[in-house]
C-alpha atoms as a PDB file:
ATOM      1  CA  LYS A   1       7.221 -18.934  -3.939  1.00  0.00           C
ATOM      2  CA  ALA A   2       8.656 -16.171  -2.427  1.00  0.00           C
ATOM      3  CA  LEU A   3       8.756 -14.396  -5.611  1.00  0.00           C
ATOM      4  CA  SER A   4       5.019 -15.430  -6.643  1.00  0.00           C
ATOM      5  CA  ASN A   5       4.425 -14.192  -2.664  1.00  0.00           C
ATOM      6  CA  THR A   6       5.921 -10.812  -3.473  1.00  0.00           C
ATOM      7  CA  LEU A   7       3.835 -10.400  -6.772  1.00  0.00           C
ATOM      8  CA  ILE A   8       0.631 -11.368  -5.212  1.00  0.00           C
ATOM      9  CA  TYR A   9       1.199  -8.928  -1.833  1.00  0.00           C
ATOM     10  CA  ALA A  10       1.903  -6.157  -4.571  1.00  0.00           C
ATOM     11  CA  ALA A  11      -1.103  -7.071  -6.526  1.00  0.00           C
ATOM     12  CA  ILE A  12      -3.225  -6.260  -3.275  1.00  0.00           C
ATOM     13  CA  VAL A  13      -0.706  -3.542  -1.585  1.00  0.00           C
ATOM     14  CA  VAL A  14      -0.929  -1.200  -4.659  1.00  0.00           C
ATOM     15  CA  PRO A  15      -4.260  -0.863  -5.780  1.00  0.00           C
ATOM     16  CA  GLY A  16      -5.629  -0.863  -2.306  1.00  0.00           C
ATOM     17  CA  THR A  17      -2.837   1.870  -1.237  1.00  0.00           C
ATOM     18  CA  VAL A  18      -3.767   4.168  -4.247  1.00  0.00           C
ATOM     19  CA  LEU A  19      -7.398   3.686  -3.729  1.00  0.00           C
ATOM     20  CA  LEU A  20      -7.608   4.234  -0.062  1.00  0.00           C
ATOM     21  CA  GLY A  21      -5.569   7.255  -0.180  1.00  0.00           C
ATOM     22  CA  LEU A  22      -7.600   8.612  -2.846  1.00  0.00           C
ATOM     23  CA  VAL A  23     -10.637   7.979  -1.327  1.00  0.00           C
ATOM     24  CA  VAL A  24      -9.165   9.427   2.114  1.00  0.00           C
ATOM     25  CA  ALA A  25      -7.749  12.649   0.786  1.00  0.00           C
ATOM     26  CA  LEU A  26     -11.272  13.423  -1.375  1.00  0.00           C
ATOM     27  CA  LEU A  27     -12.647  13.016   1.941  1.00  0.00           C
ATOM     28  CA  ILE A  28     -10.780  15.051   3.598  1.00  0.00           C
ATOM     29  CA  GLU A  29     -10.961  18.250   1.153  1.00  0.00           C
ATOM     30  CA  ALA A  30     -14.501  17.733   1.066  1.00  0.00           C
ATOM     31  CA  SER A  31     -15.114  18.063   4.755  1.00  0.00           C
ATOM     32  CA  PRO A  32     -13.580  21.553   6.285  1.00  0.00           C
ATOM     33  CA  GLY A  33     -13.921  20.156   9.653  1.00  0.00           C
ATOM     34  CA  LEU A  34     -10.691  19.112  11.588  1.00  0.00           C
ATOM     35  CA  ARG A  35      -9.208  18.436   8.152  1.00  0.00           C
ATOM     36  CA  SER A  36      -5.448  19.263   9.483  1.00  0.00           C
ATOM     37  CA  PHE A  37      -6.110  16.644  12.432  1.00  0.00           C
ATOM     38  CA  TYR A  38      -7.188  14.072   9.738  1.00  0.00           C
ATOM     39  CA  ARG A  39      -4.592  14.337   7.880  1.00  0.00           C
ATOM     40  CA  ALA A  40      -2.063  14.122  10.206  1.00  0.00           C
ATOM     41  CA  ALA A  41      -3.550  10.934  11.928  1.00  0.00           C
ATOM     42  CA  HIS A  42      -3.344   9.121   8.106  1.00  0.00           C
ATOM     43  CA  PHE A  43       0.150  10.420   8.164  1.00  0.00           C
ATOM     44  CA  LEU A  44       0.887   8.671  11.441  1.00  0.00           C
ATOM     45  CA  PRO A  45       1.585   5.599  10.343  1.00  0.00           C
ATOM     46  CA  VAL A  46       4.386   6.598   7.764  1.00  0.00           C
ATOM     47  CA  MET A  47       6.553   7.781  10.450  1.00  0.00           C
ATOM     48  CA  SER A  48       6.170   5.291  12.906  1.00  0.00           C
ATOM     49  CA  THR A  49       8.641   2.657  12.679  1.00  0.00           C
ATOM     50  CA  MET A  50       7.453  -1.019  11.271  1.00  0.00           C
ATOM     51  CA  SER A  51       9.322  -3.125  13.115  1.00  0.00           C
ATOM     52  CA  ALA A  52       7.505  -1.900  16.661  1.00  0.00           C
ATOM     53  CA  MET A  53       4.521  -1.436  14.412  1.00  0.00           C
ATOM     54  CA  ALA A  54       4.476  -5.095  13.927  1.00  0.00           C
ATOM     55  CA  ILE A  55       4.423  -6.096  17.094  1.00  0.00           C
ATOM     56  CA  VAL A  56       1.734  -4.124  18.006  1.00  0.00           C
ATOM     57  CA  TRP A  57      -0.308  -5.813  14.843  1.00  0.00           C
ATOM     58  CA  GLY A  58       0.950  -9.168  15.941  1.00  0.00           C
ATOM     59  CA  THR A  59      -0.718  -8.706  19.499  1.00  0.00           C
ATOM     60  CA  MET A  60      -3.783  -7.351  17.775  1.00  0.00           C
ATOM     61  CA  LEU A  61      -3.903 -10.300  15.394  1.00  0.00           C
ATOM     62  CA  HIS A  62      -3.798 -13.004  18.501  1.00  0.00           C
ATOM     63  CA  PRO A  63      -5.802 -15.541  17.804  1.00  0.00           C
ATOM     64  CA  THR A  64      -7.072 -15.301  21.490  1.00  0.00           C
ATOM     65  CA  ILE A  65      -6.485 -12.519  23.159  1.00  0.00           C
ATOM     66  CA  GLY A  66      -6.198 -10.084  19.910  1.00  0.00           C
ATOM     67  CA  LEU A  67      -8.789  -6.841  19.417  1.00  0.00           C
ATOM     68  CA  VAL A  68      -9.700  -8.568  16.014  1.00  0.00           C
ATOM     69  CA  ASN A  69     -10.579 -11.810  16.992  1.00  0.00           C
ATOM     70  CA  ARG A  70     -12.113 -10.322  19.869  1.00  0.00           C
ATOM     71  CA  THR A  71     -14.344  -7.695  17.609  1.00  0.00           C
ATOM     72  CA  LEU A  72     -15.800 -10.840  15.331  1.00  0.00           C
ATOM     73  CA  GLY A  73     -16.367 -13.093  18.030  1.00  0.00           C
ATOM     74  CA  ALA A  74     -18.738  -9.794  19.390  1.00  0.00           C
ATOM     75  CA  ILE A  75     -20.677 -10.216  16.418  1.00  0.00           C
ATOM     76  CA  GLY A  76     -20.661 -14.082  15.752  1.00  0.00           C
ATOM     77  CA  ILE A  77     -17.630 -14.335  13.738  1.00  0.00           C
ATOM     78  CA  PRO A  78     -15.153 -16.866  14.570  1.00  0.00           C
ATOM     79  CA  GLY A  79     -11.497 -15.728  14.906  1.00  0.00           C
ATOM     80  CA  VAL A  80      -8.837 -16.966  12.266  1.00  0.00           C
ATOM     81  CA  ASN A  81      -5.432 -17.323  13.550  1.00  0.00           C
ATOM     82  CA  TRP A  82      -4.307 -14.660  11.104  1.00  0.00           C
ATOM     83  CA  LEU A  83      -0.446 -15.112  11.010  1.00  0.00           C
ATOM     84  CA  ARG A  84       0.021 -18.865  11.223  1.00  0.00           C
ATOM     85  CA  ASP A  85      -2.846 -20.262   8.842  1.00  0.00           C
ATOM     86  CA  GLU A  86      -1.213 -20.102   5.035  1.00  0.00           C
ATOM     87  CA  ARG A  87      -4.410 -19.027   3.712  1.00  0.00           C
ATOM     88  CA  THR A  88      -4.582 -15.833   5.442  1.00  0.00           C
ATOM     89  CA  ALA A  89      -0.820 -14.835   6.464  1.00  0.00           C
ATOM     90  CA  LEU A  90      -0.137 -13.266   3.243  1.00  0.00           C
ATOM     91  CA  LEU A  91      -3.571 -11.722   3.450  1.00  0.00           C
ATOM     92  CA  ALA A  92      -2.643 -10.212   6.768  1.00  0.00           C
ATOM     93  CA  LEU A  93       0.848  -9.127   5.592  1.00  0.00           C
ATOM     94  CA  ALA A  94      -0.894  -6.643   3.033  1.00  0.00           C
ATOM     95  CA  VAL A  95      -3.709  -4.950   5.167  1.00  0.00           C
ATOM     96  CA  ILE A  96      -0.714  -3.870   7.594  1.00  0.00           C
ATOM     97  CA  GLY A  97       1.286  -3.063   4.008  1.00  0.00           C
ATOM     98  CA  ILE A  98      -1.685  -0.664   3.057  1.00  0.00           C
ATOM     99  CA  TRP A  99      -2.345   0.821   6.471  1.00  0.00           C
ATOM    100  CA  GLN A 100       1.219   1.489   6.720  1.00  0.00           C
ATOM    101  CA  GLY A 101       1.370   3.213   3.042  1.00  0.00           C
ATOM    102  CA  PHE A 102      -1.972   5.088   2.334  1.00  0.00           C
ATOM    103  CA  GLY A 103      -0.896   8.154   4.291  1.00  0.00           C
ATOM    104  CA  PHE A 104       1.826   8.771   2.331  1.00  0.00           C
ATOM    105  CA  ALA A 105      -0.250   8.556  -1.249  1.00  0.00           C
ATOM    106  CA  MET A 106      -3.179  10.567   0.805  1.00  0.00           C
ATOM    107  CA  VAL A 107      -0.753  13.239   1.361  1.00  0.00           C
ATOM    108  CA  LEU A 108       0.382  13.441  -2.256  1.00  0.00           C
ATOM    109  CA  PHE A 109      -3.323  13.691  -3.696  1.00  0.00           C
ATOM    110  CA  VAL A 110      -4.538  16.027  -1.288  1.00  0.00           C
ATOM    111  CA  SER A 111      -1.537  18.055  -2.742  1.00  0.00           C
ATOM    112  CA  GLY A 112      -2.490  17.532  -6.690  1.00  0.00           C
ATOM    113  CA  LEU A 113      -5.925  18.105  -5.696  1.00  0.00           C
ATOM    114  CA  LYS A 114      -5.144  21.676  -4.169  1.00  0.00           C
ATOM    115  CA  ALA A 115      -3.354  22.440  -7.550  1.00  0.00           C
ATOM    116  CA  VAL A 116      -6.594  21.576  -9.576  1.00  0.00           C
ATOM    117  CA  PRO A 117      -7.910  25.329 -10.818  1.00  0.00           C
ATOM    118  CA  GLN A 118     -10.938  26.190 -10.333  1.00  0.00           C
ATOM    119  CA  GLN A 119     -11.615  27.414 -13.676  1.00  0.00           C
ATOM    120  CA  LEU A 120     -11.609  23.376 -14.696  1.00  0.00           C
ATOM    121  CA  TYR A 121     -14.684  22.485 -12.116  1.00  0.00           C
ATOM    122  CA  ASP A 122     -16.507  26.018 -14.001  1.00  0.00           C
ATOM    123  CA  ALA A 123     -16.063  25.070 -17.215  1.00  0.00           C
ATOM    124  CA  ALA A 124     -17.176  21.548 -16.635  1.00  0.00           C
ATOM    125  CA  ALA A 125     -20.141  23.056 -14.847  1.00  0.00           C
ATOM    126  CA  VAL A 126     -21.272  25.284 -18.016  1.00  0.00           C
ATOM    127  CA  ASP A 127     -20.450  22.168 -20.125  1.00  0.00           C
ATOM    128  CA  GLY A 128     -23.303  19.906 -18.083  1.00  0.00           C
ATOM    129  CA  ALA A 129     -20.972  18.200 -15.872  1.00  0.00           C
ATOM    130  CA  ASP A 130     -21.898  19.779 -12.617  1.00  0.00           C
ATOM    131  CA  GLY A 131     -22.138  16.160 -10.387  1.00  0.00           C
ATOM    132  CA  VAL A 132     -19.893  14.996  -8.022  1.00  0.00           C
ATOM    133  CA  LEU A 133     -19.039  11.811  -9.859  1.00  0.00           C
ATOM    134  CA  ASP A 134     -19.013  14.173 -12.991  1.00  0.00           C
ATOM    135  CA  ARG A 135     -16.538  16.253 -11.535  1.00  0.00           C
ATOM    136  CA  LEU A 136     -14.315  13.524 -10.433  1.00  0.00           C
ATOM    137  CA  ARG A 137     -14.313  11.948 -13.625  1.00  0.00           C
ATOM    138  CA  PHE A 138     -13.982  14.355 -16.141  1.00  0.00           C
ATOM    139  CA  VAL A 139     -11.402  16.898 -14.191  1.00  0.00           C
ATOM    140  CA  THR A 140      -9.948  15.665 -10.934  1.00  0.00           C
ATOM    141  CA  LEU A 141      -8.732  12.296 -11.985  1.00  0.00           C
ATOM    142  CA  PRO A 142      -7.070  13.269 -15.375  1.00  0.00           C
ATOM    143  CA  MET A 143      -5.947  16.298 -13.488  1.00  0.00           C
ATOM    144  CA  LEU A 144      -4.272  13.685 -10.969  1.00  0.00           C
ATOM    145  CA  GLY A 145      -2.313  12.284 -13.728  1.00  0.00           C
ATOM    146  CA  PRO A 146       0.912  12.621 -12.597  1.00  0.00           C
ATOM    147  CA  VAL A 147       0.273  12.258  -9.234  1.00  0.00           C
ATOM    148  CA  THR A 148      -0.946   8.761  -9.607  1.00  0.00           C
ATOM    149  CA  MET A 149       1.536   7.875 -11.722  1.00  0.00           C
ATOM    150  CA  PHE A 150       4.283   8.825  -8.942  1.00  0.00           C
ATOM    151  CA  VAL A 151       2.287   6.774  -5.982  1.00  0.00           C
ATOM    152  CA  VAL A 152       2.067   3.662  -8.375  1.00  0.00           C
ATOM    153  CA  ILE A 153       5.324   3.539  -9.421  1.00  0.00           C
ATOM    154  CA  LEU A 154       6.568   4.264  -5.701  1.00  0.00           C
ATOM    155  CA  THR A 155       4.117   2.328  -3.433  1.00  0.00           C
ATOM    156  CA  ALA A 156       5.395  -0.640  -5.937  1.00  0.00           C
ATOM    157  CA  LYS A 157       8.688  -0.392  -5.356  1.00  0.00           C
ATOM    158  CA  ARG A 158       7.899  -0.339  -1.443  1.00  0.00           C
ATOM    159  CA  SER A 159       5.671  -3.945  -2.134  1.00  0.00           C
ATOM    160  CA  PHE A 160       8.459  -5.171  -3.534  1.00  0.00           C
ATOM    161  CA  GLU A 161      10.684  -3.843  -0.742  1.00  0.00           C
ATOM    162  CA  VAL A 162       8.450  -5.252   2.398  1.00  0.00           C
ATOM    163  CA  PHE A 163      10.456  -7.259   5.205  1.00  0.00           C
ATOM    164  CA  ASP A 164      10.483  -5.913   8.313  1.00  0.00           C
ATOM    165  CA  SER A 165       6.258  -6.987   8.954  1.00  0.00           C
ATOM    166  CA  VAL A 166       7.496 -10.886   7.177  1.00  0.00           C
ATOM    167  CA  ARG A 167      10.589 -11.157   9.816  1.00  0.00           C
ATOM    168  CA  VAL A 168       8.944  -9.697  13.038  1.00  0.00           C
ATOM    169  CA  LEU A 169       5.407 -11.586  12.382  1.00  0.00           C
ATOM    170  CA  THR A 170       6.066 -14.645  10.408  1.00  0.00           C
ATOM    171  CA  GLN A 171       9.195 -15.484   9.430  1.00  0.00           C
ATOM    172  CA  GLY A 172       8.016 -16.407   6.043  1.00  0.00           C
ATOM    173  CA  GLY A 173       5.227 -18.597   7.242  1.00  0.00           C
ATOM    174  CA  PRO A 174       3.454 -20.730   7.681  1.00  0.00           C
ATOM    175  CA  ASN A 175       5.076 -22.961   5.184  1.00  0.00           C
ATOM    176  CA  TYR A 176       6.608 -20.266   3.298  1.00  0.00           C
ATOM    177  CA  ALA A 177       3.027 -19.049   2.850  1.00  0.00           C
ATOM    178  CA  SER A 178       4.661 -15.320   3.464  1.00  0.00           C
ATOM    179  CA  GLU A 179       8.148 -15.648   2.502  1.00  0.00           C
ATOM    180  CA  VAL A 180       8.706 -12.968   0.109  1.00  0.00           C
ATOM    181  CA  LEU A 181      11.970 -11.832  -1.744  1.00  0.00           C
ATOM    182  CA  LEU A 182      13.371  -9.797   0.613  1.00  0.00           C
ATOM    183  CA  HIS A 183      13.190 -11.698   3.673  1.00  0.00           C
ATOM    184  CA  ARG A 184      14.487 -15.244   0.933  1.00  0.00           C
ATOM    185  CA  LEU A 185      17.648 -12.804   0.164  1.00  0.00           C
ATOM    186  CA  TYR A 186      18.544 -11.833   4.008  1.00  0.00           C
ATOM    187  CA  THR A 187      17.402 -15.567   5.087  1.00  0.00           C
ATOM    188  CA  GLU A 188      19.936 -17.102   2.400  1.00  0.00           C
ATOM    189  CA  SER A 189      22.376 -14.548   3.177  1.00  0.00           C
ATOM    190  CA  PHE A 190      22.690 -14.007   6.576  1.00  0.00           C
ATOM    191  CA  ASP A 191      20.784 -16.940   8.033  1.00  0.00           C
ATOM    192  CA  PHE A 192      22.383 -20.191   5.885  1.00  0.00           C
ATOM    193  CA  LEU A 193      25.517 -18.243   5.258  1.00  0.00           C
ATOM    194  CA  HIS A 194      24.932 -19.033   1.682  1.00  0.00           C
ATOM    195  CA  MET A 195      26.646 -15.612   0.129  1.00  0.00           C
ATOM    196  CA  GLY A 196      26.571 -16.584  -3.648  1.00  0.00           C
ATOM    197  CA  TYR A 197      22.525 -17.421  -3.637  1.00  0.00           C
ATOM    198  CA  GLY A 198      22.490 -14.274  -2.047  1.00  0.00           C
ATOM    199  CA  ALA A 199      24.596 -12.325  -4.345  1.00  0.00           C
ATOM    200  CA  ALA A 200      22.617 -14.228  -7.130  1.00  0.00           C
ATOM    201  CA  LEU A 201      18.703 -12.914  -5.705  1.00  0.00           C
ATOM    202  CA  THR A 202      20.022  -9.620  -5.243  1.00  0.00           C
ATOM    203  CA  VAL A 203      20.815  -8.981  -8.970  1.00  0.00           C
ATOM    204  CA  VAL A 204      17.298 -10.713  -9.384  1.00  0.00           C
ATOM    205  CA  TYR A 205      15.547  -8.247  -7.191  1.00  0.00           C
ATOM    206  CA  LEU A 206      17.625  -5.619  -8.767  1.00  0.00           C
ATOM    207  CA  ALA A 207      16.281  -6.344 -12.179  1.00  0.00           C
ATOM    208  CA  ILE A 208      13.149  -6.605 -11.218  1.00  0.00           C
ATOM    209  CA  ILE A 209      12.568  -3.523  -9.570  1.00  0.00           C
ATOM    210  CA  VAL A 210      14.457  -1.605 -12.529  1.00  0.00           C
ATOM    211  CA  LEU A 211      12.155  -3.437 -14.775  1.00  0.00           C
ATOM    212  CA  LEU A 212       8.877  -2.832 -13.067  1.00  0.00           C
ATOM    213  CA  THR A 213       9.583   0.858 -12.847  1.00  0.00           C
ATOM    214  CA  LEU A 214      10.458   1.482 -16.637  1.00  0.00           C
ATOM    215  CA  THR A 215       7.693  -0.619 -17.398  1.00  0.00           C
ATOM    216  CA  GLN A 216       5.137   1.237 -15.177  1.00  0.00           C
ATOM    217  CA  ALA A 217       6.833   4.752 -16.204  1.00  0.00           C
ATOM    218  CA  ARG A 218       6.026   3.860 -19.880  1.00  0.00           C
ATOM    219  CA  LEU A 219       2.591   2.630 -19.116  1.00  0.00           C
ATOM    220  CA  LEU A 220       1.168   5.188 -17.284  1.00  0.00           C
ATOM    221  CA  GLU A 221       2.522   7.958 -19.079  1.00  0.00           C
ATOM    222  CA  ARG A 222       0.280   7.442 -21.787  1.00  0.00           C
ATOM    223  CA  ARG A 223      -2.391   7.695 -20.176  1.00  0.00           C
ATOM    224  CA  VAL A 224      -1.161  11.170 -17.445  1.00  0.00           C
ATOM    225  CA  HIS A 225      -3.031  14.291 -18.729  1.00  0.00           C
ATOM    226  CA  TYR A 226      -0.245  17.084 -17.648  1.00  0.00           C
ATOM    227  CA  SER A 227      -1.124  20.727 -17.859  1.00  0.00           C
END
């Protein structure tokens, strides 16, 4: 259950973080006003301690006094006990993971966008690719290949390391609906003092991370354009 939850969590967080980071980076670079402010504001979650931010999110997701349910109630949508419902607990943690990680992805994508030569956009315009989507498809995204590969691998590795938010907000509940591999490892080793089982889980966890990193590098490297 912990392994399947971890895979589901990663399947939500990785594409969500990469896409949101890319979109925000494109919007920031397209708008010259307050560019530095927006970069700093979006990067702040990366600098924050996840344990402290988890407490803030726990208050926001509270079923009665939380900002999220109060906002939903104001527009006529019934609230949900986000962290105590088996259907929403893991999804809520994934949203928190995306919120924490997309700022780092945004910074990397901004750096990648600055490295794209203007001559390529000029050449694309001469060839007829002068629209925004054409420039994005034929110039920007291919040139961001190395950055995208790095962001995907790093985000996937971090999503498998999720622990703080689970420990503070749900403790793996309800009914193991939000139990993840690293939290299970900690619980078995230090709560139940099953050191042998915890050590075995550590080996499995390490093997998964190494296999994941090597597989992603092999698959993505074939589609990456290096200038």
